[in-house]
Structure formats: structure tokens, C-alpha cells
Protein backbone atom coordinates (compact mmCIF):
# COMPACT_ATOMS: atom_id res chain seq x y z
CA MET A 1 -17.40 47.11 -18.68
CA SER A 2 -13.95 46.12 -17.37
CA ALA A 3 -10.83 46.16 -19.82
CA ALA A 4 -9.58 43.24 -21.14
CA ALA A 5 -8.25 40.64 -18.41
CA TYR A 6 -4.16 39.30 -18.74
CA SER A 7 -3.34 35.73 -19.46
CA VAL A 8 -0.74 34.69 -16.49
CA SER A 9 2.06 34.57 -18.87
CA ALA A 10 1.05 38.25 -20.32
CA LEU A 11 1.21 39.72 -16.93
CA THR A 12 4.13 38.15 -16.23
CA ARG A 13 5.93 39.53 -19.19
CA HIS A 14 4.55 42.50 -18.55
CA ILE A 15 5.91 42.85 -15.19
CA ARG A 16 9.41 41.50 -16.42
CA ALA A 17 9.45 43.96 -18.97
CA LEU A 18 8.55 46.45 -15.96
CA LEU A 19 11.56 45.38 -14.28
CA ASP A 20 14.02 45.30 -16.99
CA ALA A 21 12.99 49.12 -17.85
CA ASP A 22 14.74 50.17 -14.18
CA PRO A 23 18.27 49.96 -14.45
CA SER A 24 18.71 50.24 -10.83
CA LEU A 25 17.96 46.52 -10.94
CA ARG A 26 20.33 45.77 -13.20
CA ASP A 27 23.17 46.13 -11.35
CA VAL A 28 22.05 45.80 -7.53
CA TRP A 29 24.00 44.52 -3.94
CA VAL A 30 21.61 43.02 -1.55
CA GLU A 31 22.69 42.01 1.74
CA GLY A 32 20.94 39.59 3.64
CA GLU A 33 21.29 36.57 5.38
CA VAL A 34 21.64 32.89 3.63
CA SER A 35 19.30 30.36 4.01
CA ASN A 36 18.77 27.05 2.18
CA LEU A 37 21.50 26.98 -0.03
CA THR A 38 21.65 24.34 -2.72
CA ARG A 39 24.91 23.31 -5.03
CA HIS A 40 23.02 21.77 -7.58
CA GLY A 41 24.66 18.64 -9.54
CA SER A 42 24.15 20.43 -12.58
CA GLY A 43 26.87 23.40 -10.51
CA HIS A 44 23.93 26.05 -10.32
CA TRP A 45 23.27 27.34 -6.72
CA TYR A 46 20.22 28.25 -5.58
CA PHE A 47 19.51 29.52 -2.04
CA THR A 48 17.20 32.39 -0.49
CA LEU A 49 18.61 35.85 0.94
CA LYS A 50 16.49 36.99 4.52
CA ASP A 51 15.84 39.24 7.06
CA ASP A 52 13.92 39.59 9.53
CA ARG A 53 10.46 40.88 7.25
CA ALA A 54 11.39 39.37 3.71
CA ALA A 55 12.89 36.87 1.84
CA LEU A 56 14.65 36.73 -2.04
CA LYS A 57 15.10 33.30 -4.10
CA CYS A 58 18.72 33.51 -5.80
CA VAL A 59 20.24 31.74 -8.37
CA MET A 60 23.62 31.53 -9.49
CA TRP A 61 24.59 29.90 -12.76
CA ARG A 62 27.22 27.49 -13.03
CA SER A 63 29.99 30.02 -14.65
CA GLU A 64 30.05 32.23 -11.90
CA ALA A 65 29.37 29.93 -9.04
CA ALA A 66 33.22 27.78 -10.49
CA ARG A 67 34.79 31.63 -10.35
CA GLN A 68 33.06 31.97 -6.57
CA THR A 69 36.42 31.76 -4.20
CA TYR A 70 33.42 32.37 -1.16
CA ILE A 71 31.11 30.02 -0.50
CA PRO A 72 28.80 30.69 2.39
CA ASP A 73 27.63 28.56 5.06
CA HIS A 74 23.73 28.58 5.94
CA GLY A 75 23.01 31.69 8.45
CA ASP A 76 25.87 33.94 6.70
CA ALA A 77 25.54 37.24 6.44
CA VAL A 78 26.48 38.42 2.81
CA LEU A 79 26.56 40.40 -0.17
CA ALA A 80 25.31 39.50 -3.13
CA HIS A 81 25.49 41.18 -6.38
CA GLY A 82 23.72 40.38 -9.54
CA ARG A 83 20.30 41.49 -11.58
CA ILE A 84 16.51 41.18 -10.18
CA ASP A 85 14.50 39.25 -12.99
CA VAL A 86 11.59 37.25 -13.18
CA TYR A 87 11.39 33.37 -13.39
CA GLU A 88 8.06 33.18 -15.42
CA THR A 89 7.92 29.34 -15.03
CA GLY A 90 7.59 29.98 -11.12
CA GLY A 91 6.04 33.69 -11.46
CA GLN A 92 8.41 35.23 -9.09
CA TYR A 93 11.16 37.22 -9.24
CA GLN A 94 14.78 36.75 -7.99
CA LEU A 95 17.98 37.93 -7.83
CA TYR A 96 20.21 36.42 -10.38
CA THR A 97 23.72 36.70 -8.69
CA ASP A 98 27.12 36.77 -9.97
CA LEU A 99 28.73 37.22 -6.99
CA LEU A 100 28.81 36.72 -3.49
CA ARG A 101 30.88 38.05 -0.18
CA PRO A 102 30.54 38.23 3.37
CA ALA A 103 28.88 40.99 4.87
CA GLY A 104 31.23 43.73 6.85
CA ARG A 105 34.21 41.96 5.07
CA GLY A 106 33.54 43.46 1.46
CA ASP A 107 37.03 45.81 1.44
CA LEU A 108 39.06 42.25 2.01
CA HIS A 109 36.84 40.69 -0.62
CA ALA A 110 37.49 43.67 -3.01
CA ARG A 111 41.44 43.81 -2.03
CA PHE A 112 41.56 39.90 -2.92
CA GLU A 113 39.31 39.87 -6.45
CA ALA A 114 42.03 43.57 -7.39
CA LEU A 115 44.96 41.65 -6.44
CA LYS A 116 44.10 38.27 -8.30
CA ALA A 117 43.03 40.17 -11.05
CA LYS A 118 46.62 42.33 -11.46
CA LEU A 119 48.45 38.92 -10.58
CA GLU A 120 46.62 37.26 -13.16
CA ALA A 121 47.15 40.32 -15.93
CA GLU A 122 50.55 39.89 -14.96
CA GLY A 123 50.39 35.88 -16.09
CA LEU A 124 51.17 34.41 -13.23
CA PHE A 125 48.52 31.96 -12.93
CA ALA A 126 49.01 31.03 -16.28
CA PRO A 127 48.61 27.06 -16.63
CA ALA A 128 51.94 27.06 -19.06
CA SER A 129 54.11 28.12 -16.32
CA LYS A 130 52.66 25.27 -14.28
CA ARG A 131 55.05 22.80 -13.59
CA PRO A 132 54.11 18.48 -13.04
CA LEU A 133 55.43 17.17 -9.91
CA PRO A 134 57.61 14.86 -9.60
CA ALA A 135 56.38 11.04 -9.20
CA PHE A 136 58.84 9.84 -6.46
CA PRO A 137 59.98 12.52 -4.46
CA ARG A 138 63.01 11.88 -1.88
CA ARG A 139 62.61 14.91 -0.19
CA ILE A 140 59.71 16.95 0.42
CA GLY A 141 60.15 20.22 2.09
CA VAL A 142 56.86 21.74 4.02
CA VAL A 143 56.15 25.43 5.08
CA THR A 144 54.26 25.83 8.08
CA SER A 145 54.38 25.85 11.39
CA PRO A 146 55.67 23.73 13.62
CA THR A 147 53.46 23.48 16.00
CA ALA A 148 49.90 23.72 13.63
CA ALA A 149 47.81 20.62 13.68
CA ALA A 150 48.41 20.44 9.59
CA PHE A 151 51.92 19.57 10.30
CA GLN A 152 50.93 16.43 12.45
CA ASP A 153 48.15 15.74 9.75
CA MET A 154 50.60 16.01 6.75
CA GLN A 155 53.13 13.80 8.35
CA ASN A 156 50.49 11.05 9.16
CA VAL A 157 49.53 11.22 5.82
CA LEU A 158 53.00 10.79 4.79
CA ARG A 159 53.90 7.88 7.47
CA ARG A 160 51.03 6.21 5.98
CA ARG A 161 51.27 6.44 2.16
CA TYR A 162 54.73 7.25 1.33
CA PRO A 163 57.06 6.77 4.24
CA LEU A 164 59.95 6.92 2.10
CA ALA A 165 60.16 10.60 1.67
CA GLU A 166 62.47 12.97 3.87
CA VAL A 167 60.88 15.56 5.29
CA ILE A 168 62.70 18.84 5.48
CA LEU A 169 60.35 21.54 7.77
CA SER A 170 61.29 25.24 6.92
CA PRO A 171 59.42 26.51 9.88
CA THR A 172 57.09 30.00 9.53
CA ALA A 173 54.36 31.77 11.46
CA VAL A 174 51.09 30.99 9.06
CA GLN A 175 48.90 34.01 10.66
CA GLY A 176 49.51 37.73 11.88
CA ASP A 177 50.98 40.82 10.11
CA ASP A 178 54.70 39.28 10.23
CA ALA A 179 53.43 36.13 8.55
CA PRO A 180 53.85 37.23 4.78
CA PRO A 181 58.08 37.95 5.14
CA ARG A 182 58.64 34.76 7.18
CA ILE A 183 56.51 32.45 4.49
CA VAL A 184 58.45 34.18 1.63
CA ALA A 185 61.60 33.60 3.75
CA ALA A 186 60.68 30.05 4.35
CA LEU A 187 60.26 29.46 0.99
CA ASP A 188 63.61 31.13 -0.14
CA ALA A 189 65.49 29.17 2.45
CA LEU A 190 64.07 25.67 0.90
CA ASN A 191 64.93 27.05 -2.95
CA ARG A 192 68.90 28.22 -1.50
CA TYR A 193 68.77 24.49 0.11
CA GLY A 194 68.28 23.12 -3.76
CA ASP A 195 68.10 19.80 -2.53
CA VAL A 196 64.26 19.28 -2.36
CA ASP A 197 61.58 17.71 -5.30
CA VAL A 198 58.63 19.62 -3.93
CA ILE A 199 57.49 22.25 -1.42
CA LEU A 200 54.18 21.92 0.42
CA LEU A 201 52.81 25.07 1.91
CA ILE A 202 50.01 24.26 4.40
CA ARG A 203 47.70 25.96 7.06
CA GLY A 204 44.53 24.31 8.66
CA GLY A 205 41.44 25.95 8.34
CA GLY A 206 40.37 29.69 9.70
CA SER A 207 38.32 32.79 8.96
CA LEU A 208 39.16 34.69 5.82
CA GLU A 209 41.34 37.01 8.18
CA ASP A 210 43.32 33.88 9.45
CA LEU A 211 44.18 32.74 6.01
CA TRP A 212 44.61 36.37 4.74
CA CYS A 213 48.45 36.00 5.04
CA PHE A 214 47.91 34.05 1.86
CA ASN A 215 46.36 36.40 0.39
CA ASP A 216 49.60 38.31 0.28
CA GLU A 217 51.24 39.55 -2.83
CA ARG A 218 54.63 39.11 -1.74
CA VAL A 219 54.02 35.44 -0.67
CA ALA A 220 51.94 34.98 -4.07
CA ARG A 221 55.56 36.09 -6.21
CA ALA A 222 57.75 34.05 -3.71
CA VAL A 223 55.30 30.55 -4.54
CA ALA A 224 55.25 31.50 -8.77
CA ALA A 225 59.00 32.28 -8.59
CA SER A 226 59.93 29.09 -6.47
CA ALA A 227 62.50 26.91 -8.76
CA ILE A 228 60.81 23.82 -6.88
CA PRO A 229 57.20 23.16 -7.24
CA VAL A 230 54.72 24.28 -4.87
CA VAL A 231 51.45 22.28 -3.82
CA CYS A 232 49.55 24.76 -2.27
CA GLY A 233 47.34 23.11 1.02
CA VAL A 234 45.47 26.05 2.60
CA GLY A 235 42.42 25.53 4.78
CA HIS A 236 39.48 23.67 3.66
CA GLU A 237 38.24 22.33 0.56
CA THR A 238 35.81 26.25 0.14
CA ASP A 239 38.86 28.10 1.02
CA PHE A 240 40.57 29.82 -1.82
CA THR A 241 43.88 31.89 -1.61
CA ILE A 242 45.39 34.17 -3.70
CA ALA A 243 48.75 31.27 -3.36
CA ASP A 244 46.70 28.93 -4.62
CA PHE A 245 46.38 30.20 -7.56
CA ALA A 246 49.95 30.65 -7.66
CA ALA A 247 51.36 27.12 -6.89
CA ASP A 248 51.76 24.85 -9.27
CA VAL A 249 49.09 23.02 -7.28
CA ARG A 250 46.16 23.60 -5.51
CA ALA A 251 45.28 21.14 -2.57
CA PRO A 252 41.72 21.52 -0.58
CA THR A 253 43.34 20.79 2.45
CA PRO A 254 46.92 20.09 3.95
CA SER A 255 46.42 16.37 4.36
CA ALA A 256 45.14 16.64 0.63
CA ALA A 257 48.72 18.17 -0.56
CA ALA A 258 50.50 15.29 1.00
CA GLU A 259 48.76 12.92 -0.84
CA ILE A 260 48.84 14.68 -4.09
CA ALA A 261 52.44 15.09 -3.70
CA THR A 262 53.53 11.92 -3.25
CA PRO A 263 52.35 8.30 -4.62
CA ASP A 264 50.58 5.50 -2.75
CA VAL A 265 53.15 2.75 -1.94
CA ALA A 266 50.11 0.02 -1.43
CA GLU A 267 49.27 0.99 -5.44
CA LEU A 268 53.09 1.12 -6.04
CA ALA A 269 53.52 -2.41 -4.77
CA TYR A 270 50.25 -3.64 -6.47
CA THR A 271 51.39 -2.03 -9.45
CA VAL A 272 54.93 -3.20 -9.51
CA GLU A 273 53.43 -6.60 -8.59
CA ASP A 274 51.00 -6.37 -11.87
CA LEU A 275 54.03 -5.23 -13.78
CA GLY A 276 56.18 -7.99 -12.38
CA GLY A 277 53.81 -10.61 -13.68
CA ARG A 278 53.26 -8.73 -17.11
CA LEU A 279 56.67 -8.62 -17.62
CA ALA A 280 56.97 -12.01 -16.69
CA LEU A 281 54.09 -12.97 -19.21
CA VAL A 282 55.65 -10.79 -21.85
CA MET A 283 59.48 -12.42 -21.68
CA ARG A 284 57.63 -15.91 -21.27
CA GLU A 285 55.94 -14.85 -25.18
CA ARG A 286 59.68 -13.53 -26.28
CA LEU A 287 61.50 -16.42 -25.09
CA ALA A 288 58.80 -19.27 -26.78
CA GLU A 289 59.02 -16.57 -30.11
CA GLY A 290 62.70 -16.72 -29.63
CA TYR A 291 62.90 -20.60 -29.26
CA ARG A 292 60.93 -20.92 -32.24
CA ARG A 293 63.08 -18.49 -34.20
CA VAL A 294 66.06 -20.39 -33.60
CA GLU A 295 64.52 -23.81 -34.31
CA ALA A 296 63.49 -22.68 -37.55
CA GLU A 297 67.06 -21.02 -38.06
CA VAL A 298 68.55 -24.22 -37.13
CA ARG A 299 66.25 -26.21 -39.34
CA ALA A 300 67.33 -23.66 -42.11
CA LEU A 301 70.81 -24.33 -41.49
CA ARG A 302 70.59 -27.79 -41.67
CA ARG A 303 69.11 -27.63 -44.69
CA LEU A 304 72.20 -25.12 -46.34
CA SER A 305 74.71 -26.86 -44.29
CA PRO A 306 77.92 -27.97 -46.00
CA LEU A 307 77.67 -31.29 -44.11
CA ASN A 308 74.34 -32.13 -45.57
CA ARG A 309 75.99 -31.66 -49.07
CA VAL A 310 78.80 -33.57 -48.43
CA ARG A 311 76.55 -36.31 -46.95
CA ASN A 312 74.55 -36.02 -50.31
CA SER A 313 77.48 -35.86 -52.56
CA ARG A 314 79.47 -38.96 -50.85
CA GLN A 315 76.31 -41.14 -51.05
CA ARG A 316 75.64 -39.99 -54.70
CA VAL A 317 79.53 -41.15 -55.09
CA ASP A 318 78.53 -44.14 -53.47
CA ASP A 319 75.69 -44.68 -55.86
CA LEU A 320 77.96 -43.78 -58.74
CA LEU A 321 80.24 -46.17 -57.87
CA VAL A 322 77.62 -48.96 -57.61
CA ARG A 323 76.35 -48.13 -60.72
CA ALA A 324 80.18 -47.85 -62.14
CA ALA A 325 80.57 -51.34 -60.63
CA ARG A 326 77.52 -53.20 -62.21
CA SER A 327 78.18 -51.23 -65.17
CA LEU A 328 81.70 -52.65 -65.58
CA SER A 329 80.88 -55.69 -64.07
CA HIS A 330 78.07 -56.47 -66.93
CA VAL A 331 80.64 -55.12 -69.84
CA VAL A 332 82.94 -57.33 -68.45
CA GLU A 333 80.09 -60.25 -68.59
CA LEU A 334 79.36 -59.29 -72.23
CA ARG A 335 82.86 -58.98 -72.96
CA ARG A 336 83.54 -62.88 -71.26
CA GLU A 337 80.56 -63.73 -73.32
CA ARG A 338 81.85 -62.56 -76.67
CA LEU A 339 85.44 -63.89 -75.92
CA GLU A 340 83.77 -67.48 -74.87
CA ALA A 341 82.03 -67.41 -78.39
CA ARG A 342 84.78 -66.48 -80.05
CA ARG A 343 86.99 -68.98 -78.18
CA GLN A 344 84.04 -71.78 -79.22
CA ALA A 345 84.40 -70.14 -82.58
CA LEU A 346 88.08 -70.69 -82.56
CA ILE A 347 87.79 -74.29 -81.74
CA ALA A 348 85.35 -75.06 -83.75
CA ALA A 349 87.34 -73.83 -86.90
CA ASP A 350 90.26 -75.70 -85.58
CA PRO A 351 91.80 -77.83 -88.30
CA ARG A 352 92.69 -80.19 -85.28
CA ALA A 353 89.17 -80.43 -84.16
CA ILE A 354 88.43 -81.46 -87.52
CA LEU A 355 90.57 -84.07 -87.69
CA ALA A 356 89.59 -85.58 -84.37
CA ARG A 357 86.41 -86.10 -85.67
CA GLY A 358 87.87 -88.61 -88.97
CA TYR A 359 88.64 -86.10 -91.46
CA ALA A 360 92.44 -85.70 -92.70
CA ILE A 361 94.67 -82.92 -94.88
CA VAL A 362 95.80 -84.40 -97.98
CA GLU A 363 99.12 -82.59 -99.23
CA ARG A 364 101.02 -83.14 -102.35
CA ALA A 365 104.53 -84.45 -101.10
CA GLY A 366 106.15 -82.49 -103.75
CA ASP A 367 105.14 -78.63 -103.06
CA GLY A 368 103.37 -79.13 -99.45
CA LEU A 369 99.95 -77.89 -101.58
CA ARG A 370 96.98 -78.77 -99.73
CA LEU A 371 94.80 -80.57 -101.90
CA THR A 372 91.07 -79.89 -102.55
CA SER A 373 89.93 -81.71 -105.39
CA ALA A 374 91.02 -85.02 -106.95
CA ALA A 375 92.51 -83.38 -110.07
CA ASP A 376 95.41 -81.88 -108.59
CA ALA A 377 96.88 -84.79 -107.75
CA ALA A 378 97.47 -87.51 -111.15
CA PRO A 379 98.46 -91.48 -110.24
CA GLY A 380 101.81 -91.83 -109.10
CA THR A 381 101.73 -88.60 -106.98
CA ALA A 382 103.26 -88.72 -103.42
CA LEU A 383 101.06 -87.46 -100.71
CA ASN A 384 100.90 -86.89 -97.19
CA VAL A 385 97.85 -87.39 -95.08
CA ARG A 386 97.75 -85.20 -92.11
CA LEU A 387 95.52 -87.56 -89.65
CA HIS A 388 94.40 -86.46 -86.09
CA LYS A 389 97.31 -88.40 -84.90
CA GLY A 390 99.89 -89.06 -87.17
CA ARG A 391 100.91 -88.79 -91.01
CA LEU A 392 100.57 -91.18 -94.00
CA ARG A 393 102.91 -90.84 -97.11
CA VAL A 394 100.62 -92.54 -99.81
CA SER A 395 101.02 -92.60 -103.85
CA VAL A 396 98.04 -91.88 -105.81
CA LYS A 397 97.28 -95.16 -107.64
CA GLU A 398 94.04 -93.62 -109.28
CA ARG A 399 91.76 -90.76 -109.42
CA ASP A 400 88.27 -90.32 -109.80
CA ILE A 401 87.52 -86.64 -110.95
CA SER A 402 83.82 -86.78 -111.77
């Protein structure tokens, strides 16, 4: 009877356990030729290492890929470091890679990583030490070879993008054993000159050996010590140097360095036009609001103006005068009527008026007593009779006192 059969997953796990038990497969270097390198949108790398007799699937996770300074091309011979493990879903073993180096140039990469780690430990690459670039540089210092194509490319970008800036070249060799001290001297010359807003340290692409002068410790320290912000644009997008880490800003290419260091005049013109329109709108709104506030204040002042109060008081005086005149006229009229009534009463009470109606006033001639009764005049008494017109002297003959 045969032994119990494995399930596919159980057998795969068993093989994985056997591989895990071998410590030599947890820390392994593999040399081979890169094939079918895919940089996935997730940030992971997938590729194959092969030689003339075999092929090995490889994976580099995003966290390791982000630290990788060397990006191989198809067909490059490389040294890959990592661990062997099993991808259970696919049923295949593969190398989980954490470092890639070009084969035959491992010493240079080892020196690169050692210097990078040393300077990073010193804080030379600390983000806190990076300085912002000026928004509108007046003078741009350039450290490169005057005959390099990168210098011409950079100037073309500046002429198109920001022709307002003045370019000051501090020439230097950018390749060879004598390049590092000359690059340091060129940086120092611009710093001593002082009247420069930003420095572009640039060079076109090349092999690792061609760019090695930018991995020199002296160059890195000079870049970090520069009193003027430095943009490093060396090689192609996939090339990284120690100077890139020491600079305030790393640009993928020399042309990109010129773009990073300067604004675009076309965008500036659009921005100025847009801001001008927005400013005009804001000014119109503020002026309109100001007019409304002034009109409100004017109305308030008119309400509180002494002139209005004077006018109101004047009108009130006029009203009072009219009322006083009417009242006085009324009083006068009442008093005139009363006077007329009294005059009429006096007229009616005037004895002369009574006499005019045919009455007479009789007085005793002797004592002038006005008679109101026949008993006051005995017969023979002399009387004076006052008529409306004239007087009569009469004597009483007889009297009737009944």
C-alpha cells in the first residue's frame, strides 16, 4: 500500500519549510543576467535572473526598490542579494531581492553604500538641513563643464522658461580623478562671489565610473556646506549619486534642474493676468462696499446734521409764530367783541339815549334832587326837566302819589 498522498498546498508548504531550514538560502548572493524587468504600479519590481542553463524568478518589494540607487536594464549582468522562498500560489521558488549591484562593479557600489551610510549618519542628508529654493532667482550659478551638452541643454531651458535670470558659469571638469577637487573649487568660487541665488550642479548621463566624481566625499561635503542652495542634476533619471543626497534638491536630469530652479514665464504671465483680474474684481467689490458705506454715513450725517436741526427749529418757530399770531388775533377779536358788547351796554345805559326815546329827567330846582317819585315834589315845588334837547323849568301844581 502506498504512503498517504500530499495535497498540492501541503507539499508546497513542506518544500517551503525545507528551504527555510537552510540558513544559507536566507542570505544569498546570485549572479545572473536581468530579463523581463517590470516596475509595477504598486512600486514592486518583478524580473528574472538567468544564465545559459537556468532561470530564477525574482521579486523586489516597494520598500527595497525605493532605496535602490541602481536600476538595471534588460540584459544587464547583476549581483542580487536576498533570500530564497516559495510563492505558494504559483508553486515556484523565487529570490526575494533587497539589493541589486552591477556584476563586476560590486566594489564601487559597496564604496557608494558605505559613504552614503557614513554621511547619512552624520546628518548630512537630513531633511531639516535642506533649504528652500528662491522663487525668482536673479542670478543662477552653474557648476559644470562649459563644453558639456548638459550646459547647452540647461541654457536652452532657461532661455525658453525664464530668460530673466543671469547665468554665471563656474567651469570645472565633471569626469576623471581630478574632477572632485575642481568641483569643490568651482562651488567655493560661487560661494565667495556671493551674488548668486541658486547653484545648479549638472552633468549629462554616463556610466557609473563616469559619474563617480559625484560620489566623492569632498564633493558631497562641499555641496552640503554651500551657503547658496544647490540643485544637483547629474546623469539620467535612474542615476543617483552621493551629491544628489547632499544637495538641497535632486533633479533627475540637467534640464530638469533648470526647470526646478526657475518659474515658467508663461505660467507667471497667466498667473499675473489671473491675479490682475481677481485684484480688479476685489477692488471693484471693495469700492462698491466703500461707496455703500459712505452713502450710509452721509445719510446718517444728514440725519444728525445741525443744519437739519436748525431747519427743523426754524420751521417750529414759524409754526409757533403762526400759532401765536392766530392766538393773539383770537384774543384781540374776543376782547374787541367784549369791548363792543360793553360799549353797546354803555350806550344802552346812557341817559341821553333814554332821553332821545322821549323820556325826561326831573330834578328839584332847589337841591337838584332827581325825582323818582311824585311824593318828593309838593305842589308849588320848582322843577327842572331835562329833555333830549334842552331844559324846562316848571312848577308842580298838583301831584298824584297813588
